[in-house]
């Protein structure tokens, strides 16, 4: 039976290995979200930092509400960011589950 520390090492080793495989998808989704966030920032006349902040708050479905797009086009783009964020988080969660399965396979 492996110790907790060994189990964590295995998990992170598998997680890193799987992340390297799907990294083009993950980085593409993040880049896509940032581009859409920049478009919203331009339309809403927000600063770059506000646009990035809004993008990640929306993509992670946190939605603090301190920044909210006013234009219809910006709101539609925000929906695309939110859906792609759900996809990204699902992908990372699936990666974690798969890594945990492999790390505990022999237990």
PDB file of N, CA and C in Angstrom:
ATOM      1  N   UNK A   1       0.838  -1.183   0.000  1.00  0.00           N
ATOM      2  CA  UNK A   1       0.000   0.000   0.000  1.00  0.00           C
ATOM      3  C   UNK A   1       0.883   1.246   0.000  1.00  0.00           C
ATOM      4  N   UNK A   2       0.597   2.163  -0.873  1.00  0.00           N
ATOM      5  CA  UNK A   2       1.391   3.370  -1.015  1.00  0.00           C
ATOM      6  C   UNK A   2       1.006   4.402   0.047  1.00  0.00           C
ATOM      7  N   UNK A   3       1.988   5.213   0.423  1.00  0.00           N
ATOM      8  CA  UNK A   3       1.725   6.284   1.381  1.00  0.00           C
ATOM      9  C   UNK A   3       0.998   7.434   0.671  1.00  0.00           C
ATOM     10  N   UNK A   4       0.467   8.335   1.469  1.00  0.00           N
ATOM     11  CA  UNK A   4      -0.222   9.499   0.903  1.00  0.00           C
ATOM     12  C   UNK A   4       0.711  10.329   0.028  1.00  0.00           C
ATOM     13  N   UNK A   5       1.949  10.492   0.491  1.00  0.00           N
ATOM     14  CA  UNK A   5       2.911  11.277  -0.279  1.00  0.00           C
ATOM     15  C   UNK A   5       3.204  10.612  -1.622  1.00  0.00           C
ATOM     16  N   UNK A   6       3.345   9.294  -1.614  1.00  0.00           N
ATOM     17  CA  UNK A   6       3.593   8.571  -2.872  1.00  0.00           C
ATOM     18  C   UNK A   6       2.380   8.663  -3.798  1.00  0.00           C
ATOM     19  N   UNK A   7       1.196   8.587  -3.228  1.00  0.00           N
ATOM     20  CA  UNK A   7      -0.030   8.690  -4.020  1.00  0.00           C
ATOM     21  C   UNK A   7      -0.126  10.071  -4.679  1.00  0.00           C
ATOM     22  N   UNK A   8       0.208  11.128  -3.927  1.00  0.00           N
ATOM     23  CA  UNK A   8       0.191  12.480  -4.487  1.00  0.00           C
ATOM     24  C   UNK A   8       1.200  12.610  -5.621  1.00  0.00           C
ATOM     25  N   UNK A   9       2.396  12.047  -5.414  1.00  0.00           N
ATOM     26  CA  UNK A   9       3.422  12.103  -6.462  1.00  0.00           C
ATOM     27  C   UNK A   9       2.942  11.404  -7.725  1.00  0.00           C
ATOM     28  N   UNK A  10       2.325  10.250  -7.570  1.00  0.00           N
ATOM     29  CA  UNK A  10       1.786   9.533  -8.729  1.00  0.00           C
ATOM     30  C   UNK A  10       0.714  10.346  -9.431  1.00  0.00           C
ATOM     31  N   UNK A  11      -0.206  10.892  -8.625  1.00  0.00           N
ATOM     32  CA  UNK A  11      -1.286  11.688  -9.201  1.00  0.00           C
ATOM     33  C   UNK A  11      -0.725  12.839 -10.032  1.00  0.00           C
ATOM     34  N   UNK A  12       0.189  13.604  -9.455  1.00  0.00           N
ATOM     35  CA  UNK A  12       0.723  14.753 -10.178  1.00  0.00           C
ATOM     36  C   UNK A  12       1.560  14.333 -11.391  1.00  0.00           C
ATOM     37  N   UNK A  13       2.227  13.204 -11.305  1.00  0.00           N
ATOM     38  CA  UNK A  13       2.980  12.699 -12.457  1.00  0.00           C
ATOM     39  C   UNK A  13       2.024  12.358 -13.605  1.00  0.00           C
ATOM     40  N   UNK A  14       0.940  11.645 -13.293  1.00  0.00           N
ATOM     41  CA  UNK A  14      -0.055  11.323 -14.329  1.00  0.00           C
ATOM     42  C   UNK A  14      -0.767  12.577 -14.825  1.00  0.00           C
ATOM     43  N   UNK A  15      -1.094  13.488 -13.916  1.00  0.00           N
ATOM     44  CA  UNK A  15      -1.768  14.721 -14.303  1.00  0.00           C
ATOM     45  C   UNK A  15      -0.899  15.507 -15.280  1.00  0.00           C
ATOM     46  N   UNK A  16       0.374  15.637 -14.964  1.00  0.00           N
ATOM     47  CA  UNK A  16       1.295  16.368 -15.835  1.00  0.00           C
ATOM     48  C   UNK A  16       1.410  15.676 -17.195  1.00  0.00           C
ATOM     49  N   UNK A  17       1.493  14.362 -17.188  1.00  0.00           N
ATOM     50  CA  UNK A  17       1.616  13.607 -18.437  1.00  0.00           C
ATOM     51  C   UNK A  17       0.382  13.803 -19.318  1.00  0.00           C
ATOM     52  N   UNK A  18      -0.806  13.735 -18.730  1.00  0.00           N
ATOM     53  CA  UNK A  18      -2.040  13.929 -19.492  1.00  0.00           C
ATOM     54  C   UNK A  18      -2.201  15.380 -19.941  1.00  0.00           C
ATOM     55  N   UNK A  19      -1.787  16.307 -19.091  1.00  0.00           N
ATOM     56  CA  UNK A  19      -1.887  17.723 -19.451  1.00  0.00           C
ATOM     57  C   UNK A  19      -1.022  18.033 -20.671  1.00  0.00           C
ATOM     58  N   UNK A  20       0.123  17.393 -20.779  1.00  0.00           N
ATOM     59  CA  UNK A  20       0.977  17.599 -21.947  1.00  0.00           C
ATOM     60  C   UNK A  20       0.285  17.142 -23.230  1.00  0.00           C
ATOM     61  N   UNK A  21      -0.548  16.118 -23.132  1.00  0.00           N
ATOM     62  CA  UNK A  21      -1.258  15.608 -24.306  1.00  0.00           C
ATOM     63  C   UNK A  21      -2.351  16.579 -24.733  1.00  0.00           C
ATOM     64  N   UNK A  22      -3.114  17.102 -23.776  1.00  0.00           N
ATOM     65  CA  UNK A  22      -4.246  17.958 -24.137  1.00  0.00           C
ATOM     66  C   UNK A  22      -3.909  19.451 -24.072  1.00  0.00           C
ATOM     67  N   UNK A  23      -2.641  19.782 -23.846  1.00  0.00           N
ATOM     68  CA  UNK A  23      -2.255  21.179 -23.734  1.00  0.00           C
ATOM     69  C   UNK A  23      -2.659  22.020 -24.945  1.00  0.00           C
ATOM     70  N   UNK A  24      -2.552  21.523 -26.177  1.00  0.00           N
ATOM     71  CA  UNK A  24      -3.008  22.357 -27.308  1.00  0.00           C
ATOM     72  C   UNK A  24      -4.483  22.742 -27.199  1.00  0.00           C
ATOM     73  N   UNK A  25      -5.311  21.847 -26.695  1.00  0.00           N
ATOM     74  CA  UNK A  25      -6.738  22.151 -26.534  1.00  0.00           C
ATOM     75  C   UNK A  25      -6.930  23.164 -25.412  1.00  0.00           C
ATOM     76  N   UNK A  26      -6.275  22.938 -24.285  1.00  0.00           N
ATOM     77  CA  UNK A  26      -6.406  23.837 -23.131  1.00  0.00           C
ATOM     78  C   UNK A  26      -5.912  25.236 -23.485  1.00  0.00           C
ATOM     79  N   UNK A  27      -4.734  25.319 -24.073  1.00  0.00           N
ATOM     80  CA  UNK A  27      -4.189  26.635 -24.406  1.00  0.00           C
ATOM     81  C   UNK A  27      -5.031  27.310 -25.493  1.00  0.00           C
ATOM     82  N   UNK A  28      -5.563  26.531 -26.425  1.00  0.00           N
ATOM     83  CA  UNK A  28      -6.436  27.100 -27.449  1.00  0.00           C
ATOM     84  C   UNK A  28      -7.707  27.684 -26.860  1.00  0.00           C
ATOM     85  N   UNK A  29      -8.307  26.973 -25.913  1.00  0.00           N
ATOM     86  CA  UNK A  29      -9.513  27.484 -25.254  1.00  0.00           C
ATOM     87  C   UNK A  29      -9.228  28.755 -24.454  1.00  0.00           C
ATOM     88  N   UNK A  30      -8.111  28.771 -23.741  1.00  0.00           N
ATOM     89  CA  UNK A  30      -7.756  29.963 -22.961  1.00  0.00           C
ATOM     90  C   UNK A  30      -7.477  31.139 -23.897  1.00  0.00           C
ATOM     91  N   UNK A  31      -6.743  30.887 -24.972  1.00  0.00           N
ATOM     92  CA  UNK A  31      -6.475  31.945 -25.942  1.00  0.00           C
ATOM     93  C   UNK A  31      -7.752  32.472 -26.576  1.00  0.00           C
ATOM     94  N   UNK A  32      -8.655  31.560 -26.939  1.00  0.00           N
ATOM     95  CA  UNK A  32      -9.953  31.915 -27.514  1.00  0.00           C
ATOM     96  C   UNK A  32     -10.730  32.808 -26.547  1.00  0.00           C
ATOM     97  N   UNK A  33     -10.745  32.439 -25.272  1.00  0.00           N
ATOM     98  CA  UNK A  33     -11.445  33.227 -24.264  1.00  0.00           C
ATOM     99  C   UNK A  33     -10.832  34.615 -24.123  1.00  0.00           C
ATOM    100  N   UNK A  34      -9.507  34.690 -24.131  1.00  0.00           N
ATOM    101  CA  UNK A  34      -8.848  35.985 -23.981  1.00  0.00           C
ATOM    102  C   UNK A  34      -9.107  36.898 -25.175  1.00  0.00           C
ATOM    103  N   UNK A  35      -9.127  36.326 -26.373  1.00  0.00           N
ATOM    104  CA  UNK A  35      -9.438  37.130 -27.557  1.00  0.00           C
ATOM    105  C   UNK A  35     -10.863  37.673 -27.466  1.00  0.00           C
ATOM    106  N   UNK A  36     -11.801  36.809 -27.100  1.00  0.00           N
ATOM    107  CA  UNK A  36     -13.185  37.269 -26.948  1.00  0.00           C
ATOM    108  C   UNK A  36     -13.304  38.312 -25.836  1.00  0.00           C
ATOM    109  N   UNK A  37     -12.559  38.119 -24.761  1.00  0.00           N
ATOM    110  CA  UNK A  37     -12.559  39.100 -23.675  1.00  0.00           C
ATOM    111  C   UNK A  37     -11.998  40.442 -24.127  1.00  0.00           C
ATOM    112  N   UNK A  38     -10.984  40.405 -24.991  1.00  0.00           N
ATOM    113  CA  UNK A  38     -10.423  41.648 -25.528  1.00  0.00           C
ATOM    114  C   UNK A  38     -11.451  42.365 -26.401  1.00  0.00           C
ATOM    115  N   UNK A  39     -12.219  41.601 -27.165  1.00  0.00           N
ATOM    116  CA  UNK A  39     -13.273  42.200 -27.984  1.00  0.00           C
ATOM    117  C   UNK A  39     -14.317  42.873 -27.093  1.00  0.00           C
ATOM    118  N   UNK A  40     -14.721  42.183 -26.032  1.00  0.00           N
ATOM    119  CA  UNK A  40     -15.678  42.782 -25.100  1.00  0.00           C
ATOM    120  C   UNK A  40     -15.085  44.028 -24.462  1.00  0.00           C
ATOM    121  N   UNK A  41     -13.825  43.947 -24.056  1.00  0.00           N
ATOM    122  CA  UNK A  41     -13.163  45.106 -23.458  1.00  0.00           C
ATOM    123  C   UNK A  41     -13.143  46.298 -24.404  1.00  0.00           C
ATOM    124  N   UNK A  42     -12.906  46.026 -25.684  1.00  0.00           N
ATOM    125  CA  UNK A  42     -12.911  47.099 -26.676  1.00  0.00           C
ATOM    126  C   UNK A  42     -14.313  47.690 -26.839  1.00  0.00           C
ATOM    127  N   UNK A  43     -15.301  46.828 -26.953  1.00  0.00           N
ATOM    128  CA  UNK A  43     -16.676  47.300 -27.137  1.00  0.00           C
ATOM    129  C   UNK A  43     -17.184  48.087 -25.932  1.00  0.00           C
ATOM    130  N   UNK A  44     -16.795  47.638 -24.750  1.00  0.00           N
ATOM    131  CA  UNK A  44     -17.277  48.276 -23.516  1.00  0.00           C
ATOM    132  C   UNK A  44     -16.344  49.377 -23.020  1.00  0.00           C
ATOM    133  N   UNK A  45     -15.246  49.581 -23.736  1.00  0.00           N
ATOM    134  CA  UNK A  45     -14.244  50.598 -23.362  1.00  0.00           C
ATOM    135  C   UNK A  45     -13.657  50.342 -21.975  1.00  0.00           C
ATOM    136  N   UNK A  46     -13.332  49.083 -21.705  1.00  0.00           N
ATOM    137  CA  UNK A  46     -12.686  48.708 -20.458  1.00  0.00           C
ATOM    138  C   UNK A  46     -11.181  48.693 -20.664  1.00  0.00           C
ATOM    139  N   UNK A  47     -10.433  48.769 -19.571  1.00  0.00           N
ATOM    140  CA  UNK A  47      -8.978  48.623 -19.653  1.00  0.00           C
ATOM    141  C   UNK A  47      -8.639  47.162 -19.935  1.00  0.00           C
ATOM    142  N   UNK A  48      -7.402  46.917 -20.309  1.00  0.00           N
ATOM    143  CA  UNK A  48      -6.960  45.551 -20.598  1.00  0.00           C
ATOM    144  C   UNK A  48      -7.098  44.676 -19.356  1.00  0.00           C
ATOM    145  N   UNK A  49      -6.717  45.200 -18.201  1.00  0.00           N
ATOM    146  CA  UNK A  49      -6.811  44.407 -16.972  1.00  0.00           C
ATOM    147  C   UNK A  49      -8.272  44.091 -16.633  1.00  0.00           C
ATOM    148  N   UNK A  50      -9.165  45.029 -16.865  1.00  0.00           N
ATOM    149  CA  UNK A  50     -10.584  44.763 -16.618  1.00  0.00           C
ATOM    150  C   UNK A  50     -11.123  43.704 -17.573  1.00  0.00           C
ATOM    151  N   UNK A  51     -10.692  43.756 -18.822  1.00  0.00           N
ATOM    152  CA  UNK A  51     -11.149  42.768 -19.810  1.00  0.00           C
ATOM    153  C   UNK A  51     -10.651  41.368 -19.450  1.00  0.00           C
ATOM    154  N   UNK A  52      -9.396  41.268 -19.033  1.00  0.00           N
ATOM    155  CA  UNK A  52      -8.846  39.964 -18.637  1.00  0.00           C
ATOM    156  C   UNK A  52      -9.564  39.452 -17.392  1.00  0.00           C
ATOM    157  N   UNK A  53      -9.750  40.324 -16.426  1.00  0.00           N
ATOM    158  CA  UNK A  53     -10.456  39.967 -15.197  1.00  0.00           C
ATOM    159  C   UNK A  53     -11.868  39.474 -15.518  1.00  0.00           C
ATOM    160  N   UNK A  54     -12.600  40.227 -16.343  1.00  0.00           N
ATOM    161  CA  UNK A  54     -13.946  39.835 -16.726  1.00  0.00           C
ATOM    162  C   UNK A  54     -13.944  38.480 -17.427  1.00  0.00           C
ATOM    163  N   UNK A  55     -12.965  38.263 -18.285  1.00  0.00           N
ATOM    164  CA  UNK A  55     -12.884  36.997 -19.025  1.00  0.00           C
ATOM    165  C   UNK A  55     -12.759  35.818 -18.075  1.00  0.00           C
ATOM    166  N   UNK A  56     -11.842  35.891 -17.119  1.00  0.00           N
ATOM    167  CA  UNK A  56     -11.643  34.756 -16.223  1.00  0.00           C
ATOM    168  C   UNK A  56     -12.786  34.588 -15.227  1.00  0.00           C
ATOM    169  N   UNK A  57     -13.349  35.690 -14.756  1.00  0.00           N
ATOM    170  CA  UNK A  57     -14.494  35.593 -13.846  1.00  0.00           C
ATOM    171  C   UNK A  57     -15.681  34.957 -14.571  1.00  0.00           C
ATOM    172  N   UNK A  58     -15.854  35.295 -15.837  1.00  0.00           N
ATOM    173  CA  UNK A  58     -16.954  34.735 -16.621  1.00  0.00           C
ATOM    174  C   UNK A  58     -16.664  33.284 -17.002  1.00  0.00           C
ATOM    175  N   UNK A  59     -15.443  32.999 -17.451  1.00  0.00           N
ATOM    176  CA  UNK A  59     -15.090  31.642 -17.881  1.00  0.00           C
ATOM    177  C   UNK A  59     -15.164  30.649 -16.723  1.00  0.00           C
ATOM    178  N   UNK A  60     -14.809  31.098 -15.541  1.00  0.00           N
ATOM    179  CA  UNK A  60     -14.871  30.213 -14.373  1.00  0.00           C
ATOM    180  C   UNK A  60     -16.257  30.202 -13.743  1.00  0.00           C
ATOM    181  N   UNK A  61     -17.196  30.875 -14.371  1.00  0.00           N
ATOM    182  CA  UNK A  61     -18.597  30.991 -13.934  1.00  0.00           C
ATOM    183  C   UNK A  61     -18.716  31.508 -12.497  1.00  0.00           C
ATOM    184  N   UNK A  62     -17.820  32.396 -12.134  1.00  0.00           N
ATOM    185  CA  UNK A  62     -17.895  33.025 -10.815  1.00  0.00           C
ATOM    186  C   UNK A  62     -18.909  34.158 -10.868  1.00  0.00           C
ATOM    187  N   UNK A  63     -18.740  35.068 -11.825  1.00  0.00           N
ATOM    188  CA  UNK A  63     -19.703  36.131 -12.066  1.00  0.00           C
ATOM    189  C   UNK A  63     -19.940  37.050 -10.890  1.00  0.00           C
ATOM    190  N   UNK A  64     -18.934  37.778 -10.473  1.00  0.00           N
ATOM    191  CA  UNK A  64     -19.099  38.706  -9.350  1.00  0.00           C
ATOM    192  C   UNK A  64     -20.107  39.803  -9.650  1.00  0.00           C
ATOM    193  N   UNK A  65     -20.200  40.238 -10.891  1.00  0.00           N
ATOM    194  CA  UNK A  65     -21.148  41.268 -11.260  1.00  0.00           C
ATOM    195  C   UNK A  65     -20.620  42.680 -11.167  1.00  0.00           C
ATOM    196  N   UNK A  66     -19.362  42.850 -10.766  1.00  0.00           N
ATOM    197  CA  UNK A  66     -18.804  44.198 -10.686  1.00  0.00           C
ATOM    198  C   UNK A  66     -18.548  44.785 -12.069  1.00  0.00           C
ATOM    199  N   UNK A  67     -18.301  43.934 -13.052  1.00  0.00           N
ATOM    200  CA  UNK A  67     -18.207  44.354 -14.449  1.00  0.00           C
ATOM    201  C   UNK A  67     -19.282  43.588 -15.216  1.00  0.00           C
ATOM    202  N   UNK A  68     -20.108  44.319 -15.916  1.00  0.00           N
ATOM    203  CA  UNK A  68     -21.162  43.675 -16.698  1.00  0.00           C
ATOM    204  C   UNK A  68     -21.269  44.382 -18.039  1.00  0.00           C
ATOM    205  N   UNK A  69     -21.242  43.614 -19.125  1.00  0.00           N
ATOM    206  CA  UNK A  69     -21.366  44.250 -20.441  1.00  0.00           C
ATOM    207  C   UNK A  69     -22.749  44.868 -20.635  1.00  0.00           C
ATOM    208  N   UNK A  70     -22.774  45.997 -21.290  1.00  0.00           N
ATOM    209  CA  UNK A  70     -24.026  46.717 -21.524  1.00  0.00           C
ATOM    210  C   UNK A  70     -24.587  46.448 -22.928  1.00  0.00           C
ATOM    211  N   UNK A  71     -23.717  46.242 -23.879  1.00  0.00           N
ATOM    212  CA  UNK A  71     -24.131  46.056 -25.270  1.00  0.00           C
ATOM    213  C   UNK A  71     -24.584  44.613 -25.502  1.00  0.00           C
ATOM    214  N   UNK A  72     -25.533  44.442 -26.397  1.00  0.00           N
ATOM    215  CA  UNK A  72     -26.055  43.109 -26.723  1.00  0.00           C
ATOM    216  C   UNK A  72     -24.948  42.224 -27.296  1.00  0.00           C
ATOM    217  N   UNK A  73     -24.129  42.779 -28.192  1.00  0.00           N
ATOM    218  CA  UNK A  73     -23.042  41.996 -28.795  1.00  0.00           C
ATOM    219  C   UNK A  73     -22.076  41.501 -27.721  1.00  0.00           C
ATOM    220  N   UNK A  74     -21.750  42.371 -26.767  1.00  0.00           N
ATOM    221  CA  UNK A  74     -20.847  41.981 -25.679  1.00  0.00           C
ATOM    222  C   UNK A  74     -21.458  40.878 -24.824  1.00  0.00           C
ATOM    223  N   UNK A  75     -22.738  40.959 -24.589  1.00  0.00           N
ATOM    224  CA  UNK A  75     -23.416  39.942 -23.782  1.00  0.00           C
ATOM    225  C   UNK A  75     -23.418  38.588 -24.491  1.00  0.00           C
ATOM    226  N   UNK A  76     -23.602  38.600 -25.793  1.00  0.00           N
ATOM    227  CA  UNK A  76     -23.583  37.336 -26.558  1.00  0.00           C
ATOM    228  C   UNK A  76     -22.176  36.729 -26.548  1.00  0.00           C
ATOM    229  N   UNK A  77     -21.181  37.585 -26.675  1.00  0.00           N
ATOM    230  CA  UNK A  77     -19.793  37.102 -26.620  1.00  0.00           C
ATOM    231  C   UNK A  77     -19.496  36.549 -25.225  1.00  0.00           C
ATOM    232  N   UNK A  78     -20.016  37.191 -24.188  1.00  0.00           N
ATOM    233  CA  UNK A  78     -19.812  36.706 -22.816  1.00  0.00           C
ATOM    234  C   UNK A  78     -20.407  35.315 -22.636  1.00  0.00           C
ATOM    235  N   UNK A  79     -21.524  35.034 -23.304  1.00  0.00           N
ATOM    236  CA  UNK A  79     -22.110  33.690 -23.252  1.00  0.00           C
ATOM    237  C   UNK A  79     -21.160  32.658 -23.856  1.00  0.00           C
ATOM    238  N   UNK A  80     -20.518  33.024 -24.950  1.00  0.00           N
ATOM    239  CA  UNK A  80     -19.556  32.107 -25.584  1.00  0.00           C
ATOM    240  C   UNK A  80     -18.370  31.865 -24.647  1.00  0.00           C
ATOM    241  N   UNK A  81     -17.909  32.915 -23.974  1.00  0.00           N
ATOM    242  CA  UNK A  81     -16.818  32.755 -23.001  1.00  0.00           C
ATOM    243  C   UNK A  81     -17.249  31.811 -21.884  1.00  0.00           C
ATOM    244  N   UNK A  82     -18.466  31.979 -21.393  1.00  0.00           N
ATOM    245  CA  UNK A  82     -18.958  31.131 -20.303  1.00  0.00           C
ATOM    246  C   UNK A  82     -19.056  29.668 -20.737  1.00  0.00           C
ATOM    247  N   UNK A  83     -19.601  29.421 -21.915  1.00  0.00           N
ATOM    248  CA  UNK A  83     -19.714  28.039 -22.392  1.00  0.00           C
ATOM    249  C   UNK A  83     -18.344  27.409 -22.628  1.00  0.00           C
ATOM    250  N   UNK A  84     -17.411  28.176 -23.172  1.00  0.00           N
ATOM    251  CA  UNK A  84     -16.073  27.623 -23.380  1.00  0.00           C
ATOM    252  C   UNK A  84     -15.371  27.404 -22.036  1.00  0.00           C
ATOM    253  N   UNK A  85     -15.700  28.226 -21.035  1.00  0.00           N
ATOM    254  CA  UNK A  85     -15.142  28.032 -19.694  1.00  0.00           C
ATOM    255  C   UNK A  85     -15.659  26.759 -19.049  1.00  0.00           C
ATOM    256  N   UNK A  86     -16.939  26.471 -19.258  1.00  0.00           N
ATOM    257  CA  UNK A  86     -17.506  25.214 -18.748  1.00  0.00           C
ATOM    258  C   UNK A  86     -16.812  24.028 -19.414  1.00  0.00           C
ATOM    259  N   UNK A  87     -16.598  24.134 -20.707  1.00  0.00           N
ATOM    260  CA  UNK A  87     -15.884  23.087 -21.434  1.00  0.00           C
ATOM    261  C   UNK A  87     -14.467  22.908 -20.892  1.00  0.00           C
ATOM    262  N   UNK A  88     -13.774  24.003 -20.651  1.00  0.00           N
ATOM    263  CA  UNK A  88     -12.411  23.949 -20.136  1.00  0.00           C
ATOM    264  C   UNK A  88     -12.364  23.326 -18.742  1.00  0.00           C
ATOM    265  N   UNK A  89     -13.270  23.732 -17.867  1.00  0.00           N
ATOM    266  CA  UNK A  89     -13.284  23.186 -16.507  1.00  0.00           C
ATOM    267  C   UNK A  89     -13.655  21.702 -16.515  1.00  0.00           C
ATOM    268  N   UNK A  90     -14.559  21.315 -17.400  1.00  0.00           N
ATOM    269  CA  UNK A  90     -14.888  19.893 -17.539  1.00  0.00           C
ATOM    270  C   UNK A  90     -13.698  19.081 -18.006  1.00  0.00           C
ATOM    271  N   UNK A  91     -12.932  19.650 -18.907  1.00  0.00           N
ATOM    272  CA  UNK A  91     -11.739  18.982 -19.411  1.00  0.00           C
ATOM    273  C   UNK A  91     -10.701  18.797 -18.306  1.00  0.00           C
ATOM    274  N   UNK A  92     -10.497  19.827 -17.518  1.00  0.00           N
ATOM    275  CA  UNK A  92      -9.532  19.746 -16.405  1.00  0.00           C
ATOM    276  C   UNK A  92     -10.028  18.764 -15.340  1.00  0.00           C
ATOM    277  N   UNK A  93     -11.332  18.767 -15.055  1.00  0.00           N
ATOM    278  CA  UNK A  93     -11.883  17.823 -14.079  1.00  0.00           C
ATOM    279  C   UNK A  93     -11.726  16.390 -14.572  1.00  0.00           C
ATOM    280  N   UNK A  94     -12.002  16.156 -15.853  1.00  0.00           N
ATOM    281  CA  UNK A  94     -11.831  14.813 -16.415  1.00  0.00           C
ATOM    282  C   UNK A  94     -10.374  14.380 -16.358  1.00  0.00           C
ATOM    283  N   UNK A  95      -9.478  15.314 -16.582  1.00  0.00           N
ATOM    284  CA  UNK A  95      -8.045  15.030 -16.489  1.00  0.00           C
ATOM    285  C   UNK A  95      -7.673  14.624 -15.065  1.00  0.00           C
ATOM    286  N   UNK A  96      -8.230  15.331 -14.089  1.00  0.00           N
ATOM    287  CA  UNK A  96      -7.967  14.993 -12.694  1.00  0.00           C
ATOM    288  C   UNK A  96      -8.518  13.630 -12.310  1.00  0.00           C
ATOM    289  N   UNK A  97      -9.715  13.327 -12.771  1.00  0.00           N
ATOM    290  CA  UNK A  97     -10.322  12.019 -12.468  1.00  0.00           C
ATOM    291  C   UNK A  97      -9.498  10.902 -13.089  1.00  0.00           C
ATOM    292  N   UNK A  98      -9.124  11.081 -14.342  1.00  0.00           N
ATOM    293  CA  UNK A  98      -8.322  10.049 -15.024  1.00  0.00           C
ATOM    294  C   UNK A  98      -6.973   9.859 -14.335  1.00  0.00           C
ATOM    295  N   UNK A  99      -6.359  10.950 -13.932  1.00  0.00           N
ATOM    296  CA  UNK A  99      -5.071  10.861 -13.248  1.00  0.00           C
ATOM    297  C   UNK A  99      -5.205  10.160 -11.908  1.00  0.00           C
ATOM    298  N   UNK A 100      -6.281  10.444 -11.185  1.00  0.00           N
ATOM    299  CA  UNK A 100      -6.524   9.780  -9.905  1.00  0.00           C
ATOM    300  C   UNK A 100      -6.781   8.294 -10.103  1.00  0.00           C
ATOM    301  N   UNK A 101      -7.522   7.928 -11.153  1.00  0.00           N
ATOM    302  CA  UNK A 101      -7.762   6.523 -11.453  1.00  0.00           C
ATOM    303  C   UNK A 101      -6.450   5.788 -11.710  1.00  0.00           C
ATOM    304  N   UNK A 102      -5.577   6.401 -12.493  1.00  0.00           N
ATOM    305  CA  UNK A 102      -4.310   5.752 -12.790  1.00  0.00           C
ATOM    306  C   UNK A 102      -3.395   5.711 -11.574  1.00  0.00           C
ATOM    307  N   UNK A 103      -3.434   6.749 -10.744  1.00  0.00           N
ATOM    308  CA  UNK A 103      -2.570   6.791  -9.565  1.00  0.00           C
ATOM    309  C   UNK A 103      -2.989   5.744  -8.537  1.00  0.00           C
ATOM    310  N   UNK A 104      -4.271   5.397  -8.514  1.00  0.00           N
ATOM    311  CA  UNK A 104      -4.767   4.442  -7.519  1.00  0.00           C
ATOM    312  C   UNK A 104      -5.088   3.067  -8.125  1.00  0.00           C
ATOM    313  N   UNK A 105      -4.658   2.854  -9.335  1.00  0.00           N
ATOM    314  CA  UNK A 105      -4.982   1.621 -10.051  1.00  0.00           C
ATOM    315  C   UNK A 105      -4.524   0.368  -9.315  1.00  0.00           C
ATOM    316  N   UNK A 106      -3.373   0.420  -8.695  1.00  0.00           N
ATOM    317  CA  UNK A 106      -2.808  -0.775  -8.053  1.00  0.00           C
ATOM    318  C   UNK A 106      -3.287  -0.960  -6.627  1.00  0.00           C
ATOM    319  N   UNK A 107      -4.040  -0.011  -6.125  1.00  0.00           N
ATOM    320  CA  UNK A 107      -4.487  -0.073  -4.712  1.00  0.00           C
ATOM    321  C   UNK A 107      -5.634  -1.019  -4.539  1.00  0.00           C
TER     322      UNK A 107
END
